[in-house]
N, C-alpha and C. Protein backbone atom coordinates (compact mmCIF):
# COMPACT_ATOMS: atom_id res chain seq x y z
N MET A 1 -25.19 0.92 -14.03
CA MET A 1 -24.43 -0.22 -13.58
C MET A 1 -25.86 -0.37 -12.79
N THR A 2 -26.79 -1.69 -12.92
CA THR A 2 -27.91 -1.86 -12.02
C THR A 2 -27.55 -2.13 -10.50
N GLY A 3 -29.06 -2.26 -10.06
CA GLY A 3 -28.60 -2.65 -8.14
C GLY A 3 -28.33 -2.30 -7.06
N LYS A 4 -27.98 -2.68 -5.92
CA LYS A 4 -27.61 -2.33 -4.85
C LYS A 4 -26.14 -2.08 -4.83
N ILE A 5 -25.82 -1.63 -3.64
CA ILE A 5 -24.35 -1.34 -3.77
C ILE A 5 -24.10 -1.74 -1.94
N PHE A 6 -23.54 -2.85 -1.17
CA PHE A 6 -23.17 -2.72 -0.33
C PHE A 6 -21.77 -2.79 -0.27
N ALA A 7 -21.29 -1.59 0.67
CA ALA A 7 -20.05 -1.53 1.26
C ALA A 7 -19.93 -1.30 2.74
N ILE A 8 -18.80 -2.62 2.82
CA ILE A 8 -18.20 -2.68 3.87
C ILE A 8 -17.21 -2.31 4.61
N GLY A 9 -17.29 -1.60 6.08
CA GLY A 9 -15.86 -1.29 6.46
C GLY A 9 -14.30 -1.69 6.95
N ASP A 10 -13.85 -1.50 8.13
CA ASP A 10 -12.24 -2.01 7.70
C ASP A 10 -12.69 -3.36 8.91
N ILE A 11 -12.32 -4.56 8.40
CA ILE A 11 -12.61 -5.90 8.58
C ILE A 11 -11.53 -6.00 10.17
N HIS A 12 -10.26 -5.85 9.60
CA HIS A 12 -8.96 -6.10 10.67
C HIS A 12 -9.29 -7.70 11.14
N GLY A 13 -9.16 -8.44 10.35
CA GLY A 13 -9.41 -9.76 10.90
C GLY A 13 -10.29 -10.46 11.12
N CYS A 14 -11.18 -9.61 11.63
CA CYS A 14 -12.28 -9.99 12.59
C CYS A 14 -13.10 -11.07 11.60
N LEU A 15 -12.88 -12.03 11.23
CA LEU A 15 -13.84 -13.15 10.30
C LEU A 15 -15.07 -13.48 11.12
N SER A 16 -15.07 -13.25 12.21
CA SER A 16 -16.66 -13.84 12.72
C SER A 16 -17.34 -12.68 12.66
N ARG A 17 -17.01 -11.13 12.70
CA ARG A 17 -17.89 -10.45 12.77
C ARG A 17 -18.41 -10.78 11.26
N LEU A 18 -17.64 -10.34 10.16
CA LEU A 18 -17.52 -10.46 8.55
C LEU A 18 -18.38 -11.58 8.28
N ASP A 19 -18.24 -12.91 8.93
CA ASP A 19 -19.65 -14.33 8.48
C ASP A 19 -21.03 -13.60 9.66
N ASP A 20 -20.95 -12.57 10.48
CA ASP A 20 -22.03 -12.81 11.21
C ASP A 20 -22.79 -11.32 10.25
N LEU A 21 -21.55 -10.47 10.00
CA LEU A 21 -22.57 -9.64 8.45
C LEU A 21 -23.34 -10.05 7.38
N MET A 22 -22.32 -10.55 6.85
CA MET A 22 -22.71 -11.34 5.55
C MET A 22 -23.74 -11.98 6.07
N LEU A 23 -24.61 -12.93 7.15
CA LEU A 23 -25.73 -13.28 6.91
C LEU A 23 -26.24 -12.16 6.91
N GLN A 24 -26.81 -10.72 7.20
CA GLN A 24 -27.59 -9.90 7.62
C GLN A 24 -27.71 -9.54 5.61
N ILE A 25 -27.52 -9.47 4.75
CA ILE A 25 -26.96 -8.93 3.75
C ILE A 25 -27.28 -9.67 2.76
N ASP A 26 -28.56 -9.17 2.53
CA ASP A 26 -29.82 -9.66 1.12
C ASP A 26 -29.04 -9.12 -0.16
N ILE A 27 -28.20 -9.65 -0.87
CA ILE A 27 -27.91 -9.61 -1.78
C ILE A 27 -27.29 -10.22 -3.22
N ASP A 28 -27.86 -9.95 -4.13
CA ASP A 28 -28.21 -10.63 -5.24
C ASP A 28 -26.68 -10.28 -6.19
N GLY A 29 -26.23 -11.99 -5.56
CA GLY A 29 -24.88 -12.22 -6.75
C GLY A 29 -24.77 -11.80 -7.96
N GLN A 30 -25.67 -11.31 -9.12
CA GLN A 30 -25.57 -10.99 -10.34
C GLN A 30 -26.12 -9.16 -10.17
N GLN A 31 -26.58 -8.82 -9.55
CA GLN A 31 -26.70 -7.69 -10.23
C GLN A 31 -26.44 -6.74 -8.82
N ASP A 32 -26.21 -6.97 -8.14
CA ASP A 32 -25.90 -6.31 -6.53
C ASP A 32 -24.02 -5.93 -6.85
N THR A 33 -23.26 -5.21 -6.01
CA THR A 33 -22.43 -4.96 -5.80
C THR A 33 -21.32 -5.14 -4.80
N LEU A 34 -20.93 -6.11 -4.56
CA LEU A 34 -20.00 -5.64 -2.97
C LEU A 34 -18.87 -4.58 -2.38
N VAL A 35 -18.88 -3.98 -2.18
CA VAL A 35 -17.38 -3.20 -2.23
C VAL A 35 -16.54 -3.27 -0.37
N PHE A 36 -15.58 -3.74 -0.48
CA PHE A 36 -15.02 -3.70 0.80
C PHE A 36 -14.14 -2.64 0.22
N ILE A 37 -13.66 -1.54 1.43
CA ILE A 37 -12.99 -0.70 1.76
C ILE A 37 -12.18 -0.42 1.81
N GLY A 38 -11.16 -1.77 2.49
CA GLY A 38 -9.34 -2.35 2.96
C GLY A 38 -9.48 -2.10 4.01
N ASP A 39 -8.01 -2.23 4.64
CA ASP A 39 -7.85 -2.76 5.65
C ASP A 39 -9.10 -4.31 6.35
N TYR A 40 -8.44 -5.38 5.25
CA TYR A 40 -8.58 -6.49 6.15
C TYR A 40 -7.90 -7.27 7.24
N ILE A 41 -6.50 -6.93 7.10
CA ILE A 41 -6.00 -7.81 7.78
C ILE A 41 -5.47 -6.79 9.15
N ASP A 42 -4.35 -7.34 9.45
CA ASP A 42 -3.60 -6.36 11.20
C ASP A 42 -4.76 -6.43 12.27
N ARG A 43 -3.83 -6.61 13.04
CA ARG A 43 -4.62 -6.87 14.35
C ARG A 43 -5.50 -7.68 15.43
N GLY A 44 -6.81 -8.02 13.92
CA GLY A 44 -7.80 -9.38 14.83
C GLY A 44 -6.74 -10.48 14.35
N PRO A 45 -7.97 -11.29 15.17
CA PRO A 45 -7.31 -12.85 15.11
C PRO A 45 -6.91 -13.36 14.04
N ASP A 46 -7.03 -13.49 12.67
CA ASP A 46 -7.69 -14.21 11.35
C ASP A 46 -7.48 -13.53 9.68
N SER A 47 -6.77 -12.45 10.03
CA SER A 47 -6.97 -12.13 8.68
C SER A 47 -6.39 -13.14 7.72
N LYS A 48 -5.67 -14.03 7.87
CA LYS A 48 -5.92 -15.08 6.73
C LYS A 48 -7.18 -15.19 6.08
N GLY A 49 -7.68 -15.64 7.79
CA GLY A 49 -9.28 -16.17 7.12
C GLY A 49 -9.99 -15.74 6.33
N VAL A 50 -9.84 -13.96 6.90
CA VAL A 50 -10.50 -12.50 6.14
C VAL A 50 -10.56 -12.59 4.97
N VAL A 51 -9.10 -12.87 3.69
CA VAL A 51 -8.98 -13.31 3.20
C VAL A 51 -9.44 -14.41 1.99
N ASP A 52 -8.84 -15.64 2.96
CA ASP A 52 -9.88 -16.73 2.36
C ASP A 52 -11.33 -16.26 2.27
N TYR A 53 -12.37 -15.91 3.01
CA TYR A 53 -13.68 -16.17 2.67
C TYR A 53 -13.64 -14.75 1.68
N ILE A 54 -13.29 -14.08 1.84
CA ILE A 54 -13.20 -12.72 0.39
C ILE A 54 -13.59 -13.53 -0.98
N LEU A 55 -12.28 -14.40 -0.77
CA LEU A 55 -11.68 -15.02 -2.16
C LEU A 55 -13.04 -16.05 -2.27
N GLU A 56 -13.43 -16.75 -1.31
CA GLU A 56 -14.52 -17.69 -1.50
C GLU A 56 -15.97 -16.75 -2.57
N MET A 57 -16.41 -15.37 -1.79
CA MET A 57 -17.47 -14.56 -2.02
C MET A 57 -17.15 -14.01 -3.50
N LYS A 58 -16.50 -14.38 -4.07
CA LYS A 58 -15.47 -13.59 -5.24
C LYS A 58 -16.07 -14.89 -6.54
N ARG A 59 -16.14 -16.03 -5.78
CA ARG A 59 -16.81 -17.46 -6.34
C ARG A 59 -17.98 -17.17 -6.85
N THR A 60 -19.33 -16.52 -6.02
CA THR A 60 -20.39 -16.97 -6.47
C THR A 60 -20.89 -14.76 -6.42
N ILE A 61 -20.40 -13.84 -6.32
CA ILE A 61 -20.55 -12.90 -6.33
C ILE A 61 -19.76 -12.06 -7.41
N HIS A 62 -20.85 -11.93 -8.57
CA HIS A 62 -20.06 -11.35 -10.19
C HIS A 62 -19.49 -9.83 -9.92
N ARG A 63 -19.73 -8.94 -8.92
CA ARG A 63 -18.70 -7.88 -9.06
C ARG A 63 -18.62 -7.67 -7.16
N VAL A 64 -17.13 -8.06 -6.89
CA VAL A 64 -16.97 -7.67 -5.57
C VAL A 64 -15.41 -6.59 -5.73
N ILE A 65 -15.74 -5.88 -5.45
CA ILE A 65 -14.54 -4.59 -5.35
C ILE A 65 -13.90 -4.95 -4.22
N CYS A 66 -12.75 -4.76 -4.31
CA CYS A 66 -11.78 -4.96 -2.86
C CYS A 66 -10.72 -3.93 -3.20
N LEU A 67 -10.37 -2.50 -2.27
CA LEU A 67 -9.55 -1.43 -2.13
C LEU A 67 -8.57 -2.11 -0.95
N LEU A 68 -8.02 -1.08 -1.60
CA LEU A 68 -6.39 -1.24 -1.28
C LEU A 68 -6.07 -0.20 -0.08
N GLY A 69 -6.29 -1.03 1.64
CA GLY A 69 -5.93 -0.43 2.36
C GLY A 69 -4.76 0.35 2.90
N ASN A 70 -3.99 0.82 4.02
CA ASN A 70 -2.76 1.52 4.35
C ASN A 70 -2.29 0.14 5.04
N HIS A 71 -3.12 -0.98 5.70
CA HIS A 71 -2.54 -1.48 6.15
C HIS A 71 -2.20 -2.77 4.60
N GLU A 72 -2.50 -3.07 4.14
CA GLU A 72 -1.78 -4.20 3.14
C GLU A 72 -0.76 -3.31 2.31
N GLN A 73 -0.64 -2.00 1.64
CA GLN A 73 0.29 -1.56 2.01
C GLN A 73 1.41 -1.47 2.07
N MET A 74 0.90 -1.36 3.81
CA MET A 74 2.35 -1.30 4.78
C MET A 74 2.41 -3.33 4.40
N PHE A 75 1.82 -4.02 4.66
CA PHE A 75 2.29 -6.20 4.67
C PHE A 75 2.79 -6.39 3.04
N LEU A 76 2.16 -5.49 2.02
CA LEU A 76 3.39 -6.04 0.10
C LEU A 76 4.25 -5.19 0.80
N ASP A 77 4.62 -3.90 1.38
CA ASP A 77 6.09 -3.17 1.56
C ASP A 77 6.66 -3.98 2.64
N TYR A 78 6.41 -4.84 3.77
CA TYR A 78 6.70 -5.11 4.47
C TYR A 78 7.57 -6.88 3.79
N LEU A 79 6.85 -7.46 2.82
CA LEU A 79 6.96 -8.54 2.70
C LEU A 79 7.99 -8.55 1.17
N SER A 80 8.14 -7.10 0.73
CA SER A 80 9.02 -6.78 -0.21
C SER A 80 10.65 -6.09 0.60
N ASP A 81 10.58 -6.19 1.87
CA ASP A 81 11.64 -5.88 2.30
C ASP A 81 11.72 -4.04 2.15
N ARG A 82 10.34 -3.31 2.02
CA ARG A 82 10.49 -2.06 1.59
C ARG A 82 10.06 -1.38 2.94
N TYR A 83 9.60 -1.78 4.10
CA TYR A 83 9.04 -1.03 4.82
C TYR A 83 9.66 -1.63 6.22
N ASP A 84 10.11 -0.30 7.34
CA ASP A 84 10.13 -1.31 8.52
C ASP A 84 9.64 -1.93 8.90
N LYS A 85 10.40 -3.38 10.13
CA LYS A 85 10.29 -3.94 10.13
C LYS A 85 9.21 -3.40 11.32
N GLU A 86 9.93 -3.50 12.49
CA GLU A 86 9.18 -3.41 13.79
C GLU A 86 8.33 -2.09 14.06
N LEU A 87 7.76 -0.88 13.01
CA LEU A 87 6.73 -0.09 12.24
C LEU A 87 5.54 -1.22 11.98
N TYR A 88 5.51 -2.04 10.87
CA TYR A 88 4.67 -2.87 11.12
C TYR A 88 4.60 -3.71 11.79
N LEU A 89 5.02 -4.07 12.35
CA LEU A 89 5.27 -5.06 13.27
C LEU A 89 3.76 -4.52 14.81
N GLY A 90 4.57 -3.56 14.94
CA GLY A 90 4.05 -2.62 15.50
C GLY A 90 2.28 -2.04 15.62
N ASN A 91 1.79 -2.20 14.14
CA ASN A 91 0.71 -1.69 13.94
C ASN A 91 -0.08 -2.97 13.53
N GLY A 92 0.33 -4.51 14.29
CA GLY A 92 -0.45 -5.21 13.83
C GLY A 92 -0.23 -6.18 13.18
N GLY A 93 1.08 -6.01 12.28
CA GLY A 93 1.42 -6.72 11.72
C GLY A 93 1.97 -8.58 12.69
N VAL A 94 1.80 -8.77 13.55
CA VAL A 94 2.28 -9.44 14.22
C VAL A 94 0.76 -10.45 13.96
N ALA A 95 -0.42 -10.31 14.40
CA ALA A 95 -1.27 -10.84 14.02
C ALA A 95 -1.43 -11.54 12.66
N THR A 96 -1.08 -10.63 11.56
CA THR A 96 -1.38 -11.18 9.95
C THR A 96 0.30 -12.11 10.26
N LEU A 97 0.91 -11.96 10.43
CA LEU A 97 2.56 -13.03 10.18
C LEU A 97 1.88 -14.26 10.94
N ALA A 98 1.44 -14.36 12.11
CA ALA A 98 1.13 -15.44 12.89
C ALA A 98 -0.24 -16.30 12.36
N SER A 99 -1.32 -15.49 12.12
CA SER A 99 -2.31 -16.53 11.26
C SER A 99 -1.96 -17.27 9.69
N TYR A 100 -0.95 -16.38 9.24
CA TYR A 100 0.33 -17.25 7.95
C TYR A 100 0.47 -18.25 8.09
N GLY A 101 1.51 -18.37 9.52
CA GLY A 101 1.86 -18.99 9.92
C GLY A 101 3.57 -19.09 10.01
N PHE A 102 3.58 -17.57 10.10
CA PHE A 102 4.99 -17.25 9.48
C PHE A 102 5.85 -17.01 10.70
N SER A 103 6.95 -17.26 10.61
CA SER A 103 7.72 -16.31 12.14
C SER A 103 7.60 -15.02 12.46
N ILE A 104 7.84 -14.42 13.31
CA ILE A 104 7.48 -12.65 13.25
C ILE A 104 9.32 -12.23 13.00
N ASP A 105 10.09 -12.91 13.62
CA ASP A 105 12.12 -12.94 13.23
C ASP A 105 11.75 -13.29 11.45
N ALA A 106 10.64 -13.75 10.41
CA ALA A 106 11.78 -13.87 9.65
C ALA A 106 11.31 -11.83 8.70
N ARG A 107 12.79 -12.17 8.13
CA ARG A 107 12.54 -11.21 6.97
C ARG A 107 11.61 -11.16 6.05
N GLY A 108 11.23 -9.77 5.73
CA GLY A 108 9.90 -9.73 4.99
C GLY A 108 10.64 -10.27 3.60
N CYS A 109 11.60 -10.42 2.83
CA CYS A 109 11.63 -11.40 1.94
C CYS A 109 11.71 -12.46 1.74
N ASP A 110 11.87 -12.58 3.05
CA ASP A 110 11.60 -14.81 2.99
C ASP A 110 10.39 -15.19 3.15
N LEU A 111 9.52 -14.09 3.14
CA LEU A 111 8.26 -15.05 3.16
C LEU A 111 7.33 -15.24 2.21
N ALA A 112 6.65 -16.11 2.02
CA ALA A 112 5.38 -16.70 1.18
C ALA A 112 4.28 -17.08 1.19
N LEU A 113 3.69 -16.10 0.60
CA LEU A 113 1.91 -15.93 0.63
C LEU A 113 1.49 -17.17 -0.42
N PRO A 114 0.11 -17.53 -0.55
CA PRO A 114 -0.27 -18.08 -0.95
C PRO A 114 -0.72 -18.16 -2.34
N GLU A 115 -0.64 -18.44 -4.03
CA GLU A 115 -0.59 -17.12 -4.73
C GLU A 115 -1.42 -16.95 -5.00
N ASP A 116 -2.92 -17.58 -4.54
CA ASP A 116 -4.42 -16.75 -4.81
C ASP A 116 -4.00 -15.05 -3.23
N HIS A 117 -4.09 -15.63 -2.87
CA HIS A 117 -3.86 -14.15 -1.57
C HIS A 117 -2.70 -13.42 -2.18
N ARG A 118 -1.57 -13.43 -2.86
CA ARG A 118 -0.77 -12.76 -3.40
C ARG A 118 -1.24 -11.82 -4.00
N HIS A 119 -2.11 -12.64 -5.48
CA HIS A 119 -2.78 -12.40 -6.17
C HIS A 119 -3.84 -11.00 -5.25
N PHE A 120 -4.41 -11.18 -4.65
CA PHE A 120 -5.41 -10.72 -4.33
C PHE A 120 -4.66 -8.95 -3.56
N PHE A 121 -3.75 -9.33 -2.70
CA PHE A 121 -2.91 -8.44 -2.48
C PHE A 121 -2.63 -7.09 -3.40
N THR A 122 -2.09 -7.65 -4.61
CA THR A 122 -1.39 -7.09 -5.76
C THR A 122 -2.23 -6.19 -6.16
N GLY A 123 -3.66 -7.16 -6.53
CA GLY A 123 -5.05 -6.64 -7.31
C GLY A 123 -5.35 -5.27 -6.77
N LEU A 124 -5.93 -5.35 -5.63
CA LEU A 124 -6.24 -4.12 -4.87
C LEU A 124 -6.68 -2.68 -5.09
N LEU A 125 -7.40 -2.09 -5.49
CA LEU A 125 -7.38 -0.93 -6.58
C LEU A 125 -7.80 -0.08 -5.70
N PRO A 126 -6.98 1.29 -6.06
CA PRO A 126 -6.76 2.56 -5.13
C PRO A 126 -8.39 3.09 -4.90
N TYR A 127 -9.08 3.21 -5.68
CA TYR A 127 -10.41 3.91 -5.94
C TYR A 127 -11.41 2.94 -6.59
N TYR A 128 -12.86 3.73 -5.96
CA TYR A 128 -13.97 2.96 -7.18
C TYR A 128 -14.84 4.08 -7.30
N GLU A 129 -15.46 3.73 -8.45
CA GLU A 129 -16.31 4.92 -8.60
C GLU A 129 -17.30 4.59 -9.29
N THR A 130 -18.63 4.96 -9.09
CA THR A 130 -20.11 5.07 -9.38
C THR A 130 -20.75 6.25 -10.31
N GLU A 131 -21.54 5.97 -10.83
CA GLU A 131 -22.26 7.46 -11.58
C GLU A 131 -22.86 8.18 -9.75
N SER A 132 -22.96 7.79 -9.04
CA SER A 132 -23.18 8.22 -7.80
C SER A 132 -22.53 8.52 -5.96
N PHE A 133 -21.74 7.57 -6.46
CA PHE A 133 -20.78 7.26 -5.76
C PHE A 133 -19.52 7.30 -5.57
N LEU A 134 -18.30 7.90 -4.52
CA LEU A 134 -17.08 7.69 -4.88
C LEU A 134 -16.68 5.97 -3.27
N PHE A 135 -15.75 5.66 -3.82
CA PHE A 135 -15.23 4.70 -2.58
C PHE A 135 -13.41 4.79 -2.54
N ALA A 136 -13.19 5.33 -0.99
CA ALA A 136 -11.47 5.44 -1.14
C ALA A 136 -10.78 5.22 0.63
N HIS A 137 -10.16 4.26 0.12
CA HIS A 137 -10.17 3.35 1.65
C HIS A 137 -10.07 4.61 3.23
N ALA A 138 -9.15 5.77 2.93
CA ALA A 138 -8.90 7.58 3.75
C ALA A 138 -10.03 8.05 3.27
N GLY A 139 -10.16 8.31 2.27
CA GLY A 139 -10.56 9.57 1.77
C GLY A 139 -10.07 9.89 0.28
N LEU A 140 -9.95 11.64 0.03
CA LEU A 140 -9.82 11.97 -0.84
C LEU A 140 -9.44 13.52 -0.57
N ARG A 141 -7.97 14.15 -1.15
CA ARG A 141 -7.81 15.23 -0.64
C ARG A 141 -9.05 16.35 -1.58
N PRO A 142 -9.06 17.18 -1.18
CA PRO A 142 -10.03 18.35 -2.00
C PRO A 142 -9.32 18.84 -2.91
N GLY A 143 -10.27 19.20 -4.04
CA GLY A 143 -10.30 19.79 -5.14
C GLY A 143 -9.16 19.40 -5.75
N ILE A 144 -8.61 18.22 -5.85
CA ILE A 144 -8.39 16.97 -6.85
C ILE A 144 -8.95 16.12 -7.26
N PRO A 145 -8.73 15.62 -8.56
CA PRO A 145 -9.90 14.36 -9.14
C PRO A 145 -9.21 13.28 -8.87
N PRO A 146 -10.47 12.44 -8.70
CA PRO A 146 -10.27 10.88 -8.01
C PRO A 146 -8.53 10.26 -9.03
N ALA A 147 -8.59 10.51 -10.05
CA ALA A 147 -7.73 10.26 -11.05
C ALA A 147 -5.89 10.34 -10.93
N GLU A 148 -5.98 11.71 -9.96
CA GLU A 148 -4.85 12.55 -9.65
C GLU A 148 -4.37 12.75 -8.67
N GLN A 149 -5.14 11.82 -7.28
CA GLN A 149 -4.83 11.63 -5.95
C GLN A 149 -3.82 11.16 -5.54
N ASP A 150 -2.58 11.69 -4.64
CA ASP A 150 -1.58 10.97 -4.38
C ASP A 150 -1.97 9.37 -3.78
N PRO A 151 -1.40 8.60 -4.04
CA PRO A 151 -1.94 7.53 -3.53
C PRO A 151 -1.68 7.38 -2.53
N GLU A 152 -0.99 8.20 -1.54
CA GLU A 152 -0.77 7.82 -0.45
C GLU A 152 -2.24 8.76 0.76
N ASP A 153 -2.19 9.16 0.34
CA ASP A 153 -3.42 10.62 1.08
C ASP A 153 -4.88 9.23 0.46
N LEU A 154 -4.79 8.11 -0.98
CA LEU A 154 -6.07 7.74 -0.57
C LEU A 154 -6.52 6.52 0.29
N ILE A 155 -4.96 6.18 0.71
CA ILE A 155 -4.69 5.12 2.31
C ILE A 155 -4.21 5.76 3.43
N TRP A 156 -4.12 6.75 3.49
CA TRP A 156 -4.18 7.30 4.86
C TRP A 156 -3.86 8.91 5.16
N ILE A 157 -5.28 9.55 4.22
CA ILE A 157 -5.55 10.77 4.90
C ILE A 157 -6.50 10.85 6.20
N ARG A 158 -6.94 11.58 6.78
CA ARG A 158 -7.70 11.81 7.76
C ARG A 158 -8.18 13.41 8.03
N GLN A 159 -7.81 14.17 8.83
CA GLN A 159 -8.59 15.29 8.77
C GLN A 159 -8.31 15.98 7.87
N ASP A 160 -7.22 16.69 6.91
CA ASP A 160 -7.94 17.10 5.79
C ASP A 160 -9.04 16.66 4.89
N PHE A 161 -9.25 15.58 4.94
CA PHE A 161 -10.63 15.41 4.28
C PHE A 161 -12.47 14.56 5.32
N ILE A 162 -11.76 14.69 6.42
CA ILE A 162 -13.10 14.21 7.42
C ILE A 162 -14.01 15.92 7.46
N GLY A 163 -12.50 16.50 7.66
CA GLY A 163 -12.80 18.33 8.03
C GLY A 163 -13.62 18.82 6.76
N SER A 164 -13.24 18.89 5.78
CA SER A 164 -13.51 19.28 4.86
C SER A 164 -15.10 19.42 4.21
N ASP A 165 -15.72 20.42 3.90
CA ASP A 165 -16.96 20.15 3.16
C ASP A 165 -17.06 20.48 2.06
N TYR A 166 -15.59 20.14 1.35
CA TYR A 166 -15.66 19.95 -0.33
C TYR A 166 -16.83 19.37 -0.51
N ASP A 167 -17.44 20.21 -1.76
CA ASP A 167 -18.18 19.55 -2.67
C ASP A 167 -17.19 18.42 -3.49
N PHE A 168 -17.38 16.65 -3.77
CA PHE A 168 -16.45 16.02 -4.51
C PHE A 168 -17.04 15.40 -5.77
N GLY A 169 -18.78 15.91 -5.59
CA GLY A 169 -19.36 15.68 -6.85
C GLY A 169 -20.41 14.15 -6.74
N LYS A 170 -20.10 13.81 -5.58
CA LYS A 170 -21.05 12.74 -5.17
C LYS A 170 -20.11 12.36 -4.01
N PRO A 171 -20.91 11.66 -2.94
CA PRO A 171 -20.17 11.16 -1.31
C PRO A 171 -19.07 10.56 -1.89
N VAL A 172 -18.01 10.53 -0.74
CA VAL A 172 -17.13 9.77 -1.04
C VAL A 172 -17.16 7.97 0.54
N VAL A 173 -17.45 7.46 -0.01
CA VAL A 173 -17.79 6.58 0.94
C VAL A 173 -15.95 6.12 1.07
N PHE A 174 -15.55 6.00 2.86
CA PHE A 174 -14.67 5.69 3.18
C PHE A 174 -14.18 4.90 4.78
N GLY A 175 -13.36 4.25 5.11
CA GLY A 175 -12.90 3.58 6.29
C GLY A 175 -11.83 4.86 6.90
N HIS A 176 -10.69 3.89 7.40
CA HIS A 176 -9.70 4.30 7.92
C HIS A 176 -9.28 4.29 9.44
N THR A 177 -10.66 5.71 9.49
CA THR A 177 -10.61 6.33 10.99
C THR A 177 -11.73 5.90 11.76
N PRO A 178 -11.63 5.39 12.90
CA PRO A 178 -12.96 4.96 13.81
C PRO A 178 -13.86 5.71 14.49
N LEU A 179 -14.69 5.35 14.50
CA LEU A 179 -15.91 6.17 14.09
C LEU A 179 -16.90 5.29 15.14
N TYR A 180 -17.73 6.19 16.08
CA TYR A 180 -18.20 5.32 17.33
C TYR A 180 -19.40 5.37 16.47
N LYS A 181 -19.96 5.49 15.10
CA LYS A 181 -21.51 4.97 14.91
C LYS A 181 -20.79 5.75 13.62
N PRO A 182 -21.44 5.04 12.29
CA PRO A 182 -20.98 5.64 10.75
C PRO A 182 -21.26 7.08 10.86
N LEU A 183 -20.55 8.03 10.08
CA LEU A 183 -20.91 9.16 9.63
C LEU A 183 -21.59 9.69 8.34
N ILE A 184 -22.54 10.13 7.63
CA ILE A 184 -22.60 10.38 7.48
C ILE A 184 -23.26 11.80 6.85
N GLU A 185 -23.01 12.03 5.99
CA GLU A 185 -22.95 13.40 5.00
C GLU A 185 -23.23 13.86 4.31
N PRO A 186 -23.36 15.36 3.31
CA PRO A 186 -23.15 15.34 2.15
C PRO A 186 -22.00 15.31 1.37
N ASN A 187 -21.18 15.04 1.76
CA ASN A 187 -20.25 15.00 1.00
C ASN A 187 -19.04 13.75 1.18
N LYS A 188 -19.77 12.93 2.40
CA LYS A 188 -19.10 11.88 2.48
C LYS A 188 -19.68 11.00 3.62
N ILE A 189 -19.30 9.86 3.67
CA ILE A 189 -20.01 8.40 4.57
C ILE A 189 -18.90 8.38 5.40
N GLY A 190 -19.02 7.90 6.30
CA GLY A 190 -17.77 6.87 7.26
C GLY A 190 -18.08 5.97 7.45
N ILE A 191 -17.32 4.68 7.24
CA ILE A 191 -18.03 3.26 7.69
C ILE A 191 -17.01 2.81 8.58
N ASP A 192 -16.03 3.14 8.75
CA ASP A 192 -14.70 2.27 9.80
C ASP A 192 -15.60 2.35 11.29
N THR A 193 -16.64 1.18 11.94
CA THR A 193 -16.85 1.62 13.30
C THR A 193 -16.22 1.14 14.07
N GLY A 194 -14.49 0.23 14.16
CA GLY A 194 -13.96 0.03 14.72
C GLY A 194 -14.28 -1.11 15.40
N ALA A 195 -14.14 -2.12 14.16
CA ALA A 195 -14.50 -3.58 14.90
C ALA A 195 -13.86 -4.20 15.75
N VAL A 196 -12.60 -4.16 15.24
CA VAL A 196 -11.10 -4.63 16.54
C VAL A 196 -10.79 -4.28 17.39
N TYR A 197 -11.70 -3.42 17.70
CA TYR A 197 -11.41 -2.23 18.84
C TYR A 197 -12.50 -2.85 19.64
N GLY A 198 -13.88 -3.22 19.61
CA GLY A 198 -14.42 -4.06 20.41
C GLY A 198 -15.53 -3.09 20.09
N GLY A 199 -15.50 -2.06 18.44
CA GLY A 199 -16.73 -1.86 17.94
C GLY A 199 -17.27 -2.16 16.98
N LYS A 200 -18.80 -1.94 16.06
CA LYS A 200 -19.64 -3.22 15.58
C LYS A 200 -18.51 -2.73 14.01
N LEU A 201 -18.39 -4.05 12.90
CA LEU A 201 -18.31 -3.84 11.49
C LEU A 201 -19.09 -3.97 10.93
N THR A 202 -19.68 -2.19 9.88
CA THR A 202 -20.93 -1.84 9.79
C THR A 202 -20.46 -1.90 7.99
N CYS A 203 -21.74 -1.95 7.37
CA CYS A 203 -22.46 -2.23 6.31
C CYS A 203 -23.25 -1.43 5.83
N ILE A 204 -22.97 -0.59 4.87
CA ILE A 204 -24.04 0.56 4.43
C ILE A 204 -24.68 -0.05 3.05
N GLU A 205 -26.10 0.00 2.73
CA GLU A 205 -26.77 -0.29 1.27
C GLU A 205 -26.53 0.80 0.69
N LEU A 206 -26.13 0.73 -0.37
CA LEU A 206 -26.83 2.03 -1.02
C LEU A 206 -27.40 1.84 -2.41
N PRO A 207 -28.33 3.02 -2.75
CA PRO A 207 -28.24 4.14 -2.72
C PRO A 207 -29.25 4.97 -1.42
N GLU A 208 -29.99 3.72 -1.03
CA GLU A 208 -30.61 3.60 0.51
C GLU A 208 -29.89 4.24 1.90
N LYS A 209 -28.93 3.89 1.96
CA LYS A 209 -27.88 4.54 3.09
C LYS A 209 -28.49 3.64 4.33
N ARG A 210 -28.76 2.51 3.99
CA ARG A 210 -29.32 1.13 5.30
C ARG A 210 -27.83 0.88 5.76
N ILE A 211 -27.59 1.20 6.92
CA ILE A 211 -26.87 0.89 7.68
C ILE A 211 -27.22 -0.68 8.73
N LEU A 212 -26.51 -1.98 8.11
CA LEU A 212 -26.19 -3.59 8.89
C LEU A 212 -25.14 -3.34 9.89
N GLN A 213 -24.90 -4.59 11.15
CA GLN A 213 -24.18 -3.64 11.59
C GLN A 213 -23.54 -5.93 12.18
N ALA A 214 -22.60 -6.23 12.77
CA ALA A 214 -22.29 -7.13 13.38
C ALA A 214 -21.29 -6.87 14.60
């Protein structure tokens, strides 16, 4: 694969931050790759707008990779009536339902997403790998090949991954755990810098490891 890779951390409905960040990214729509690390929705003011924005980018950028985050999985489970309703709402789901115009009292099975949005959520990838980097929403469990990872670990793992110095064969770019600033270590790169909590929305340009923020 030729070109640069631009990986963007957890957005959580912060559409204005995403728009400001994309203005800083000089991306070649044919040669470069744009990777979203997951958690597009919940907590922030415009989850639906974030998904609309990404869908529009997919029309102009050849390689847009969108990973599954734990919040997207919770949303899908809520829509399928497989998740504790109050637990999802308490984890930022109220903001997502409001952005879609859904009543928070409606049962999950009664909610109808726009078809392109449903395809977006059901088509999210568990992880992404290139010759030089691995990308996963939360990280990987040490000692297990990417294809054999528990899907729950890929979207939920924290300290067992972040505290490990295990060599995964290439750096793992991850989000999920909000950090004060990007974490760049030999085996891992953390790019969730808490945009929805008043921090920055972070992009890392690879392989140069150049940080862009909004």
